[in-house]
N, C-alpha and C. Protein backbone atom coordinates (compact mmCIF):
# COMPACT_ATOMS: atom_id res chain seq x y z
N MET A 1 105.65 14.96 193.28
CA MET A 1 105.09 13.88 192.31
C MET A 1 103.82 13.44 192.96
N THR A 2 102.72 13.77 192.07
CA THR A 2 101.38 13.70 192.21
C THR A 2 101.15 11.81 192.11
N ALA A 3 99.63 11.42 192.64
CA ALA A 3 99.77 9.96 192.40
C ALA A 3 99.63 9.59 191.20
N THR A 4 98.82 10.44 190.46
CA THR A 4 98.80 10.05 188.96
C THR A 4 99.95 9.93 188.16
N LEU A 5 100.83 10.95 188.66
CA LEU A 5 102.23 10.83 187.66
C LEU A 5 103.00 9.63 187.96
N GLU A 6 102.92 9.34 189.61
CA GLU A 6 103.57 8.05 190.02
C GLU A 6 103.14 6.95 189.34
N SER A 7 101.69 6.77 189.07
CA SER A 7 101.00 5.69 188.46
C SER A 7 101.86 5.72 186.94
N VAL A 8 101.50 6.57 186.34
CA VAL A 8 102.14 6.83 185.12
C VAL A 8 103.56 6.29 184.81
N TRP A 9 104.58 6.73 185.62
CA TRP A 9 105.74 6.55 185.78
C TRP A 9 106.12 5.10 186.02
N SER A 10 105.19 4.40 187.01
CA SER A 10 105.47 3.15 187.05
C SER A 10 105.24 2.16 186.20
N ALA A 11 104.16 2.75 185.56
CA ALA A 11 103.58 1.68 184.48
C ALA A 11 104.68 2.01 182.99
N ALA A 12 104.99 3.15 182.96
CA ALA A 12 105.92 3.69 181.76
C ALA A 12 107.40 2.82 181.91
N SER A 13 107.76 2.56 183.18
CA SER A 13 109.10 1.91 183.66
C SER A 13 109.00 0.46 183.34
N LEU A 14 107.63 0.02 183.02
CA LEU A 14 107.62 -1.44 182.47
C LEU A 14 107.68 -1.62 180.95
N LEU A 15 107.76 -0.57 180.42
CA LEU A 15 107.67 -0.67 178.56
C LEU A 15 109.09 -0.81 178.39
N SER A 16 109.21 -1.47 177.00
CA SER A 16 110.63 -1.85 176.52
C SER A 16 111.15 -0.17 176.05
N ALA A 17 112.68 -0.18 175.77
CA ALA A 17 113.40 1.00 175.39
C ALA A 17 112.74 1.53 174.44
N LYS A 18 112.28 0.93 173.48
CA LYS A 18 111.64 1.39 172.01
C LYS A 18 110.31 2.21 172.31
N GLU A 19 109.42 1.31 173.24
CA GLU A 19 108.03 1.66 173.61
C GLU A 19 108.18 3.13 174.29
N ARG A 20 109.16 3.23 175.31
CA ARG A 20 109.37 4.36 176.15
C ARG A 20 109.92 5.74 175.18
N GLY A 21 110.74 5.24 174.28
CA GLY A 21 111.02 6.29 173.45
C GLY A 21 110.01 6.90 172.60
N HIS A 22 109.18 5.65 172.06
CA HIS A 22 107.58 6.52 171.48
C HIS A 22 107.00 7.05 172.30
N LEU A 23 106.60 6.78 173.55
CA LEU A 23 105.81 7.32 174.53
C LEU A 23 106.57 8.97 174.69
N ALA A 24 107.98 8.89 174.94
CA ALA A 24 108.38 10.38 175.16
C ALA A 24 108.27 11.04 173.78
N GLU A 25 108.25 10.48 172.92
CA GLU A 25 108.07 11.32 171.35
C GLU A 25 106.39 12.02 171.40
N GLN A 26 105.43 11.19 171.53
CA GLN A 26 104.37 11.46 171.87
C GLN A 26 103.81 12.55 173.07
N LEU A 27 104.55 12.29 174.07
CA LEU A 27 104.47 13.25 175.25
C LEU A 27 105.13 14.77 174.78
N PHE A 28 106.16 14.50 174.45
CA PHE A 28 106.95 15.82 173.81
C PHE A 28 106.16 16.75 172.81
N ALA A 29 105.38 15.97 171.91
CA ALA A 29 104.62 16.62 170.80
C ALA A 29 103.34 17.40 171.76
N THR A 30 103.34 17.04 172.68
CA THR A 30 101.78 17.53 173.06
C THR A 30 102.02 18.99 174.37
N VAL A 31 103.64 18.72 174.33
CA VAL A 31 103.92 20.23 175.11
C VAL A 31 104.21 21.44 174.27
N ASP A 32 103.22 22.46 174.42
CA ASP A 32 103.04 23.61 173.69
C ASP A 32 104.29 24.61 174.12
N ASP A 33 104.71 25.46 173.31
CA ASP A 33 105.84 26.40 173.85
C ASP A 33 105.19 27.25 175.00
N THR A 34 104.16 27.35 174.80
CA THR A 34 103.36 28.41 175.58
C THR A 34 103.58 27.75 177.26
N ASP A 35 103.30 26.39 177.02
CA ASP A 35 103.11 25.67 178.54
C ASP A 35 104.61 25.24 179.33
N ALA A 36 105.77 25.49 178.04
CA ALA A 36 107.03 25.12 178.79
C ALA A 36 107.64 26.53 178.96
N GLU A 37 107.24 27.08 180.01
CA GLU A 37 107.91 28.04 180.71
C GLU A 37 109.18 27.69 181.48
N ALA A 38 110.47 28.80 181.36
CA ALA A 38 111.69 28.54 181.96
C ALA A 38 111.74 28.08 183.16
N GLU A 39 110.88 28.43 183.91
CA GLU A 39 110.67 28.48 185.54
C GLU A 39 110.24 26.74 185.82
N ASP A 40 109.24 26.50 184.95
CA ASP A 40 109.08 25.11 184.63
C ASP A 40 109.95 24.01 184.98
N PHE A 41 111.11 24.28 184.14
CA PHE A 41 112.16 23.28 184.31
C PHE A 41 113.42 23.96 185.09
N GLY A 42 113.20 24.75 185.98
CA GLY A 42 114.34 25.49 186.60
C GLY A 42 115.59 25.86 185.93
N LEU A 43 115.09 26.16 184.47
CA LEU A 43 116.31 26.97 183.83
C LEU A 43 116.03 28.32 183.77
N ASP A 44 117.13 29.14 183.62
CA ASP A 44 117.13 30.60 183.31
C ASP A 44 117.08 30.99 182.05
N ALA A 45 116.85 32.09 181.93
CA ALA A 45 116.60 32.53 180.25
C ALA A 45 117.67 32.29 179.39
N THR A 46 118.81 32.69 180.04
CA THR A 46 120.22 32.50 179.42
C THR A 46 120.30 31.12 178.83
N THR A 47 119.93 30.01 179.65
CA THR A 47 120.09 28.49 179.05
C THR A 47 119.11 28.20 178.35
N TRP A 48 117.98 28.95 178.33
CA TRP A 48 116.91 28.81 177.21
C TRP A 48 117.44 29.11 175.89
N GLU A 49 117.82 30.22 176.03
CA GLU A 49 118.53 31.10 174.48
C GLU A 49 119.65 30.34 174.06
N LYS A 50 120.62 29.47 175.01
CA LYS A 50 121.40 28.51 174.60
C LYS A 50 120.93 27.64 173.77
N ILE A 51 120.14 26.94 174.38
CA ILE A 51 119.35 25.65 173.79
C ILE A 51 118.63 26.36 172.64
N ASP A 52 117.86 27.35 172.57
CA ASP A 52 117.62 27.87 171.13
C ASP A 52 118.60 28.04 170.11
N ARG A 53 119.56 28.39 170.68
CA ARG A 53 120.71 28.72 169.31
C ARG A 53 121.13 27.25 168.91
N ARG A 54 121.62 26.18 169.84
CA ARG A 54 121.75 25.07 169.54
C ARG A 54 120.61 24.26 168.47
N LEU A 55 119.31 24.50 168.80
CA LEU A 55 118.57 23.89 167.89
C LEU A 55 118.37 24.29 166.62
N ASP A 56 118.49 25.69 166.63
CA ASP A 56 118.52 26.59 165.45
C ASP A 56 119.92 26.04 164.30
N ARG A 57 121.19 25.62 164.86
CA ARG A 57 122.04 25.02 164.37
C ARG A 57 121.80 23.55 164.03
N LEU A 58 121.08 22.78 164.45
CA LEU A 58 120.50 21.43 164.16
C LEU A 58 119.67 21.80 163.18
N ASP A 59 118.57 22.54 163.20
CA ASP A 59 117.95 22.66 161.96
C ASP A 59 118.31 23.25 160.82
N ALA A 60 119.47 24.18 160.73
CA ALA A 60 120.13 24.67 159.58
C ALA A 60 121.16 23.73 159.33
N GLY A 61 121.12 22.52 159.83
CA GLY A 61 122.48 21.55 159.38
C GLY A 61 123.89 22.06 159.43
N THR A 62 124.05 23.03 160.55
CA THR A 62 125.53 23.52 160.75
C THR A 62 125.96 22.77 162.26
N ALA A 63 125.21 22.18 162.80
CA ALA A 63 125.90 21.78 164.07
C ALA A 63 126.65 20.66 163.80
N VAL A 64 127.78 20.49 164.65
CA VAL A 64 128.63 19.22 164.46
C VAL A 64 128.52 18.37 165.54
N LEU A 65 127.85 17.29 165.05
CA LEU A 65 127.26 16.06 165.85
C LEU A 65 128.25 15.04 166.01
N ILE A 66 128.28 14.47 167.25
CA ILE A 66 129.25 13.29 167.66
C ILE A 66 128.27 12.26 168.08
N PRO A 67 128.76 11.02 168.01
CA PRO A 67 128.08 9.96 168.60
C PRO A 67 127.64 9.90 169.88
N GLY A 68 126.48 9.25 170.15
CA GLY A 68 126.11 9.26 171.53
C GLY A 68 127.02 8.80 172.52
N ASP A 69 127.58 7.50 172.11
CA ASP A 69 128.62 7.04 173.21
C ASP A 69 130.11 7.89 173.55
N GLU A 70 130.29 8.76 172.28
CA GLU A 70 131.48 9.71 172.43
C GLU A 70 130.74 10.84 173.57
N GLY A 71 129.70 11.34 173.23
CA GLY A 71 129.39 12.55 174.27
C GLY A 71 129.29 11.74 175.46
N LEU A 72 128.72 10.61 175.75
CA LEU A 72 128.88 10.01 177.14
C LEU A 72 130.10 9.94 177.68
N ARG A 73 131.02 9.53 176.96
CA ARG A 73 132.53 9.42 177.33
C ARG A 73 133.34 10.88 177.70
N ARG A 74 132.82 11.83 176.82
CA ARG A 74 133.38 13.09 177.30
C ARG A 74 132.26 13.74 178.28
N GLY A 75 131.43 13.38 178.79
CA GLY A 75 130.50 13.93 179.87
C GLY A 75 131.12 13.50 181.22
N ARG A 76 131.08 12.11 181.26
CA ARG A 76 131.92 11.52 182.21
C ARG A 76 133.14 11.33 182.67
N ALA A 77 134.20 11.75 181.54
CA ALA A 77 135.18 12.63 181.71
C ALA A 77 135.50 13.83 182.21
N LYS A 78 134.45 14.80 181.94
CA LYS A 78 134.47 16.00 182.80
C LYS A 78 133.95 15.87 184.17
N LEU A 79 132.93 15.02 184.19
CA LEU A 79 132.34 14.79 185.75
C LEU A 79 133.62 14.19 186.76
N ALA A 80 134.17 13.32 186.10
CA ALA A 80 135.55 12.59 186.81
C ALA A 80 136.35 13.69 187.12
N ALA A 81 136.68 14.81 186.17
CA ALA A 81 137.91 15.67 186.81
C ALA A 81 137.07 16.59 187.79
N MET A 82 135.94 16.77 187.75
CA MET A 82 135.16 17.81 188.59
C MET A 82 135.41 17.18 189.97
N HIS A 83 135.26 15.79 190.29
CA HIS A 83 135.26 15.40 191.37
C HIS A 83 136.75 15.13 191.87
N SER A 84 137.72 15.06 190.85
CA SER A 84 138.81 14.79 191.47
C SER A 84 139.67 16.20 191.90
N ALA A 85 138.75 17.29 191.40
CA ALA A 85 139.63 18.55 191.72
C ALA A 85 139.45 19.17 193.02
């Protein structure tokens, strides 16, 4: 992490959750598709294709959505099962 990024991160961590969310939206809006190459995030082409398919389903209104707390519960349960195996 660069010194500038560390400074921004340090300042952002002092913001309220609402302010951080707003900042995240603003930052996300500045990322152009051509800037977001798969290797920039350590994701392979297959993972990006999966993400694109899921976003397409969201845009089309065909995705089955669950509440955030339910998603977290399911994720934690999967992680617990992986660690206990």
